[in-house]
Amino acid sequence: MLTRAPVIPSRRLLDRLRPANGGVSGFLPALKAYRGVTIANGRANGAQTLGRLGPLEVRFAHTAVEVRRAQRLRYRVFYKEGGASADAATKIARRDIDAFDSICDHLLVLDHSPGANGLRRGPAVVGTYRLLQQAVAERYGGFYSSAEFDIADLVARHPTLRFLELGRSCVLAPYRNKRTLELLWHGIGAYTAQNRPDVMIGCASLDGTDPESLKLPLSFLHHHARAPDNWHARALADRYVEMNRMPKEAIDPKAALRALPPLIKGYLRLGAYIGDGAVIDHQFGTTDVLIVLPVAAIKARYVAHFRGLDERKAA
């Protein structure tokens, strides 16, 4: 989406998240290891508004309660609306939780409309994105998309660049529109302006686990958006699924674009590349591709567009 890639957390990360009283590690609802939001290597005011359109606001989570609300939204979208298969702990929690939640920054779109959050106090969380800076990832065992793609090789070829991983993106069904996406992208823009990453990476998903049924969009991505050698990153050998399933001349580009999820199309418009090979995620019922977006490649008209959001803030 950039989405939720399946995660195989490192021993180091699991050890850090294991509660002191034993029991299961940081996957249960308490999320005791949640550390708050950090921006630009310092404690940030997560409650600071980054942008607003009418009753919708974008900002970072700054409490464990807000992270739990984002996890509940992810559970609703991935497990209740989508085809993800929940294990026992996830069913009990009714939240999409993994060990990386405690080391990521969580971007939220909030609806302040009266009644939007039902009987709960505070605004409703209707959209979310999860961001992980390279320096943090390296301290705690690496990027979570490394469970599917050879991210280490990509990073090693660019030792002077800073990477930012995006993932676990989702929006509540009634809010899947241009306004909400603009707010999410504006929040990411504000984050990148403060942290100055050079490259954004992450997994994006197509619904379904049968590559043949997805041969049109996968082949289109292979022929028209495959990363050049300097940005090449390959799916792990034991998970690699061939994307080149149709000859280039047999592809109807318009039909292929219609078959792509809106988020992937959005990344392509920004200037993103696609990694080599796809990965089947049976837990979430998806086929994942790797997004590689050098910040310098983002097209100027989109940079100006998202910066312009400030001018449309509602009081």
Protein backbone atom coordinates (compact mmCIF):
# COMPACT_ATOMS: atom_id res chain seq x y z
CA MET A 1 0.00 0.00 0.00
CA LEU A 2 3.08 1.26 0.49
CA THR A 3 1.45 -1.40 2.55
CA ARG A 4 1.98 -3.88 5.20
CA ALA A 5 4.64 -6.32 4.12
CA PRO A 6 4.76 -9.49 6.23
CA VAL A 7 7.41 -9.16 8.89
CA ILE A 8 10.00 -11.57 10.22
CA PRO A 9 11.38 -9.46 13.10
CA SER A 10 15.00 -9.87 14.11
CA ARG A 11 15.88 -11.50 17.44
CA ARG A 12 17.30 -8.15 18.55
CA LEU A 13 14.04 -6.35 17.92
CA LEU A 14 11.93 -9.07 19.56
CA ASP A 15 14.16 -9.07 22.64
CA ARG A 16 13.73 -5.31 22.99
CA LEU A 17 9.95 -5.56 22.79
CA ARG A 18 9.52 -8.50 25.18
CA PRO A 19 7.73 -7.33 28.36
CA ALA A 20 9.74 -7.63 31.55
CA ASN A 21 7.25 -10.06 33.10
CA GLY A 22 7.75 -12.58 30.28
CA GLY A 23 4.80 -13.68 28.18
CA VAL A 24 4.49 -12.93 24.50
CA SER A 25 6.64 -10.26 22.87
CA GLY A 26 5.41 -6.87 21.68
CA PHE A 27 2.48 -8.13 19.61
CA LEU A 28 -0.24 -7.89 22.27
CA PRO A 29 -2.48 -4.87 22.77
CA ALA A 30 -0.55 -3.23 25.59
CA LEU A 31 2.23 -2.28 23.17
CA LYS A 32 4.35 -1.50 26.22
CA ALA A 33 7.42 -0.62 24.19
CA TYR A 34 5.79 2.22 22.25
CA ARG A 35 8.31 5.05 22.43
CA GLY A 36 6.47 8.02 20.93
CA VAL A 37 7.27 9.98 17.80
CA THR A 38 10.70 11.21 16.81
CA ILE A 39 11.34 13.68 14.03
CA ALA A 40 14.71 15.05 12.94
CA ASN A 41 16.54 13.09 15.66
CA GLY A 42 14.63 14.73 18.48
CA ARG A 43 11.39 14.48 20.38
CA ALA A 44 8.64 16.01 18.27
CA ASN A 45 5.33 17.51 19.19
CA GLY A 46 3.16 14.85 17.59
CA ALA A 47 0.08 16.96 18.18
CA GLN A 48 1.34 19.70 15.86
CA THR A 49 -0.96 20.05 12.87
CA LEU A 50 0.76 19.51 9.54
CA GLY A 51 -2.23 20.33 7.38
CA ARG A 52 -5.99 20.59 7.43
CA LEU A 53 -8.80 20.40 4.87
CA GLY A 54 -12.19 21.12 6.41
CA PRO A 55 -12.71 18.72 9.35
CA LEU A 56 -9.77 16.53 8.28
CA GLU A 57 -6.37 17.04 9.87
CA VAL A 58 -3.00 15.34 9.31
CA ARG A 59 -0.39 15.00 12.06
CA PHE A 60 1.74 12.39 13.78
CA ALA A 61 0.60 10.19 16.65
CA HIS A 62 2.08 11.27 19.95
CA THR A 63 0.53 8.80 22.40
CA ALA A 64 0.17 5.02 22.58
CA VAL A 65 -3.60 5.52 22.47
CA GLU A 66 -3.34 7.14 19.05
CA VAL A 67 -1.09 4.35 17.79
CA ARG A 68 -3.68 1.82 18.98
CA ARG A 69 -6.36 3.70 17.06
CA ALA A 70 -4.22 3.48 13.92
CA GLN A 71 -3.80 -0.25 14.56
CA ARG A 72 -7.58 -0.65 14.88
CA LEU A 73 -8.02 1.12 11.54
CA ARG A 74 -5.45 -1.19 9.95
CA TYR A 75 -7.24 -4.22 11.37
CA ARG A 76 -10.57 -3.02 10.00
CA VAL A 77 -9.16 -2.36 6.52
CA PHE A 78 -6.78 -5.32 6.21
CA TYR A 79 -8.71 -8.03 8.06
CA LYS A 80 -12.39 -7.05 8.03
CA GLU A 81 -12.60 -5.42 4.59
CA GLY A 82 -9.63 -7.15 2.96
CA GLY A 83 -8.60 -10.77 2.73
CA ALA A 84 -5.99 -10.92 5.49
CA SER A 85 -6.00 -13.97 7.78
CA ALA A 86 -5.78 -13.09 11.46
CA ASP A 87 -3.97 -15.24 13.98
CA ALA A 88 -5.37 -15.73 17.48
CA ALA A 89 -3.53 -12.77 19.02
CA THR A 90 -4.71 -10.43 16.25
CA LYS A 91 -8.32 -11.60 16.63
CA ILE A 92 -8.21 -11.00 20.36
CA ALA A 93 -6.61 -7.58 20.01
CA ARG A 94 -8.73 -6.55 17.00
CA ARG A 95 -5.71 -4.53 15.97
CA ASP A 96 -3.05 -5.01 13.29
CA ILE A 97 0.12 -5.13 15.39
CA ASP A 98 3.71 -6.01 14.69
CA ALA A 99 6.99 -5.47 16.48
CA PHE A 100 7.95 -2.55 14.25
CA ASP A 101 5.09 -0.37 15.50
CA SER A 102 7.18 0.62 18.51
CA ILE A 103 10.07 2.04 16.45
CA CYS A 104 8.10 3.74 13.65
CA ASP A 105 6.49 7.15 13.38
CA HIS A 106 2.75 6.94 12.70
CA LEU A 107 1.12 9.51 10.43
CA LEU A 108 -2.61 10.01 11.03
CA VAL A 109 -5.50 11.60 9.20
CA LEU A 110 -8.12 12.61 11.76
CA ASP A 111 -11.76 13.52 11.24
CA HIS A 112 -12.93 16.17 13.69
CA SER A 113 -16.54 16.08 12.50
CA PRO A 114 -19.06 15.71 15.37
CA GLY A 115 -19.84 12.04 15.86
CA ALA A 116 -17.10 10.81 13.53
CA ASN A 117 -15.54 8.76 16.35
CA GLY A 118 -18.83 7.34 17.62
CA LEU A 119 -18.99 7.39 21.40
CA ARG A 120 -15.23 7.61 21.81
CA ARG A 121 -13.62 10.87 22.82
CA GLY A 122 -11.45 12.69 20.35
CA PRO A 123 -11.35 12.71 16.55
CA ALA A 124 -11.59 9.53 14.50
CA VAL A 125 -8.46 8.10 12.85
CA VAL A 126 -9.50 7.57 9.22
CA GLY A 127 -6.12 7.22 7.50
CA THR A 128 -2.61 6.20 8.49
CA TYR A 129 0.92 5.65 7.20
CA ARG A 130 3.91 4.23 9.03
CA LEU A 131 7.43 5.66 8.56
CA LEU A 132 10.76 4.16 9.54
CA GLN A 133 14.04 6.03 9.25
CA GLN A 134 17.19 4.16 8.25
CA ALA A 135 19.12 5.15 11.38
CA VAL A 136 16.38 3.70 13.58
CA ALA A 137 15.99 0.58 11.45
CA GLU A 138 19.71 -0.15 11.65
CA ARG A 139 19.64 0.08 15.46
CA TYR A 140 16.83 -2.46 15.72
CA GLY A 141 17.53 -5.08 13.09
CA GLY A 142 16.72 -3.54 9.71
CA PHE A 143 13.78 -2.56 7.54
CA TYR A 144 10.66 -4.74 7.69
CA SER A 145 10.45 -5.01 3.89
CA SER A 146 13.72 -6.97 4.11
CA ALA A 147 11.51 -10.00 4.76
CA GLU A 148 10.58 -9.85 1.06
CA PHE A 149 13.28 -7.91 -0.81
CA ASP A 150 17.06 -7.54 -0.70
CA ILE A 151 17.04 -4.07 0.81
CA ALA A 152 20.50 -4.49 2.33
CA ASP A 153 22.14 -4.70 -1.09
CA LEU A 154 20.30 -1.59 -2.30
CA VAL A 155 21.35 0.39 0.78
CA ALA A 156 24.94 -0.86 0.56
CA ARG A 157 25.25 0.47 -3.00
CA HIS A 158 24.29 3.95 -1.77
CA PRO A 159 26.27 4.39 1.45
CA THR A 160 25.99 8.18 1.47
CA LEU A 161 22.20 8.27 1.05
CA ARG A 162 19.55 8.11 3.75
CA PHE A 163 16.59 5.77 3.27
CA LEU A 164 13.06 6.13 4.62
CA GLU A 165 10.65 3.21 4.61
CA LEU A 166 6.91 3.74 4.20
CA GLY A 167 4.30 1.11 4.93
CA ARG A 168 1.09 -0.02 6.60
CA SER A 169 -0.85 2.55 4.60
CA CYS A 170 -4.63 2.41 4.72
CA VAL A 171 -7.68 4.66 4.60
CA LEU A 172 -11.21 3.98 5.84
CA ALA A 173 -13.54 3.27 2.90
CA PRO A 174 -15.69 6.45 3.04
CA TYR A 175 -12.53 8.58 3.06
CA ARG A 176 -10.78 7.04 0.06
CA ASN A 177 -10.73 10.21 -1.96
CA LYS A 178 -8.38 12.88 -3.19
CA ARG A 179 -8.65 15.00 -0.03
CA THR A 180 -7.48 12.24 2.30
CA LEU A 181 -4.64 11.20 0.01
CA GLU A 182 -3.54 14.82 -0.31
CA LEU A 183 -3.34 15.08 3.46
CA LEU A 184 -1.33 11.87 3.80
CA TRP A 185 1.12 12.98 1.13
CA HIS A 186 1.37 16.42 2.65
CA GLY A 187 2.25 14.82 5.99
CA ILE A 188 4.94 12.72 4.33
CA GLY A 189 6.20 15.85 2.58
CA ALA A 190 6.49 17.67 5.91
CA TYR A 191 8.32 14.70 7.42
CA THR A 192 10.80 14.51 4.56
CA ALA A 193 11.37 18.26 4.73
CA GLN A 194 12.45 17.87 8.37
CA ASN A 195 14.38 14.62 8.08
CA ARG A 196 15.85 15.02 4.57
CA PRO A 197 15.82 11.38 3.38
CA ASP A 198 17.24 10.75 -0.06
CA VAL A 199 15.23 7.64 -0.96
CA MET A 200 11.80 6.33 0.01
CA ILE A 201 11.17 2.59 -0.18
CA GLY A 202 8.43 0.16 0.76
CA CYS A 203 6.16 -2.65 -0.36
CA ALA A 204 2.99 -1.99 -2.35
CA SER A 205 0.31 -4.60 -2.84
CA LEU A 206 -1.97 -5.88 -5.56
CA ASP A 207 -4.99 -7.87 -4.38
CA GLY A 208 -4.74 -11.59 -5.05
CA THR A 209 -2.13 -14.35 -4.81
CA ASP A 210 -2.32 -15.79 -8.35
CA PRO A 211 0.40 -14.14 -10.46
CA GLU A 212 -1.24 -15.29 -13.70
CA SER A 213 -4.43 -13.40 -12.88
CA LEU A 214 -2.23 -10.33 -12.29
CA LYS A 215 -0.06 -10.79 -15.36
CA LEU A 216 -1.24 -7.56 -17.01
CA PRO A 217 -0.34 -5.12 -14.18
CA LEU A 218 2.78 -7.08 -13.19
CA SER A 219 4.08 -7.15 -16.77
CA PHE A 220 3.28 -3.46 -17.21
CA LEU A 221 5.32 -2.61 -14.11
CA HIS A 222 8.17 -4.81 -15.31
CA HIS A 223 8.36 -3.26 -18.78
CA HIS A 224 7.49 0.36 -17.99
CA ALA A 225 8.63 1.04 -14.42
CA ARG A 226 11.44 -1.40 -13.60
CA ALA A 227 14.24 0.24 -11.63
CA PRO A 228 17.47 1.04 -13.49
CA ASP A 229 20.63 -0.71 -12.39
CA ASN A 230 21.59 1.89 -9.80
CA TRP A 231 18.22 1.50 -8.03
CA HIS A 232 17.79 -2.21 -8.69
CA ALA A 233 16.53 -4.35 -5.79
CA ARG A 234 15.47 -7.95 -6.17
CA ALA A 235 12.92 -10.08 -4.33
CA LEU A 236 14.52 -12.66 -2.07
CA ALA A 237 15.43 -15.79 -4.00
CA ASP A 238 13.12 -18.11 -2.09
CA ARG A 239 10.15 -15.75 -2.55
CA TYR A 240 10.84 -14.42 -6.04
CA VAL A 241 7.86 -14.36 -8.46
CA GLU A 242 8.50 -13.44 -12.09
CA MET A 243 6.77 -10.21 -13.15
CA ASN A 244 7.59 -10.48 -16.86
CA ARG A 245 4.55 -12.57 -17.80
CA MET A 246 3.55 -10.84 -21.06
CA PRO A 247 5.60 -9.38 -23.93
CA LYS A 248 5.72 -5.59 -23.92
CA GLU A 249 3.94 -5.28 -27.27
CA ALA A 250 0.99 -7.33 -25.97
CA ILE A 251 0.26 -4.93 -23.11
CA ASP A 252 -2.58 -2.43 -23.29
CA PRO A 253 -1.16 0.39 -21.11
CA LYS A 254 -4.56 1.93 -20.38
CA ALA A 255 -5.99 -1.41 -19.27
CA ALA A 256 -2.90 -2.10 -17.18
CA LEU A 257 -3.17 1.25 -15.41
CA ARG A 258 -6.81 0.57 -14.65
CA ALA A 259 -5.76 -2.72 -13.05
CA LEU A 260 -3.21 -1.07 -10.76
CA PRO A 261 -4.18 0.01 -7.22
CA PRO A 262 -4.46 3.81 -6.86
CA LEU A 263 -1.50 3.96 -4.50
CA ILE A 264 0.87 2.30 -6.96
CA LYS A 265 -0.33 4.62 -9.71
CA GLY A 266 0.31 7.53 -7.40
CA TYR A 267 3.87 6.45 -6.79
CA LEU A 268 4.48 6.02 -10.51
CA ARG A 269 3.23 9.56 -11.13
CA LEU A 270 5.70 10.83 -8.54
CA GLY A 271 8.57 9.13 -10.34
CA ALA A 272 8.96 5.83 -8.46
CA TYR A 273 10.64 2.70 -9.78
CA ILE A 274 9.59 -0.91 -9.23
CA GLY A 275 11.95 -3.58 -7.95
CA ASP A 276 12.79 -6.86 -9.67
CA GLY A 277 10.31 -9.62 -8.89
CA ALA A 278 7.13 -9.79 -6.86
CA VAL A 279 6.38 -11.65 -3.62
CA ILE A 280 3.22 -13.55 -2.66
CA ASP A 281 1.89 -12.63 0.77
CA HIS A 282 -0.54 -15.42 1.65
CA GLN A 283 -1.39 -13.97 5.07
CA PHE A 284 -2.73 -10.76 3.55
CA GLY A 285 -3.93 -12.28 0.27
CA THR A 286 -1.77 -9.98 -1.85
CA THR A 287 1.08 -9.88 -4.33
CA ASP A 288 3.71 -7.35 -3.28
CA VAL A 289 6.11 -5.25 -5.34
CA LEU A 290 8.91 -3.01 -4.13
CA ILE A 291 8.65 0.74 -4.56
CA VAL A 292 11.90 2.72 -4.84
CA LEU A 293 11.43 6.49 -4.97
CA PRO A 294 14.54 8.72 -5.00
CA VAL A 295 13.46 12.05 -3.55
CA ALA A 296 15.34 13.89 -6.30
CA ALA A 297 13.18 12.10 -8.88
CA ILE A 298 9.88 13.44 -7.52
CA LYS A 299 8.36 15.53 -10.25
CA ALA A 300 8.35 19.25 -9.53
CA ARG A 301 4.65 19.72 -10.16
CA TYR A 302 3.81 17.26 -7.39
CA VAL A 303 6.22 18.86 -4.92
CA ALA A 304 4.55 22.22 -5.55
CA HIS A 305 1.10 20.64 -5.30
CA PHE A 306 1.65 19.18 -1.84
CA ARG A 307 3.35 22.30 -0.54
CA GLY A 308 0.33 24.23 -1.73
CA LEU A 309 -1.91 22.38 0.69
CA ASP A 310 -1.08 24.89 3.40
CA GLU A 311 -2.85 27.57 1.40
CA ARG A 312 -6.09 25.57 1.55
CA LYS A 313 -6.18 24.96 5.29
CA ALA A 314 -9.57 25.46 6.88
CA ALA A 315 -9.89 27.41 10.06
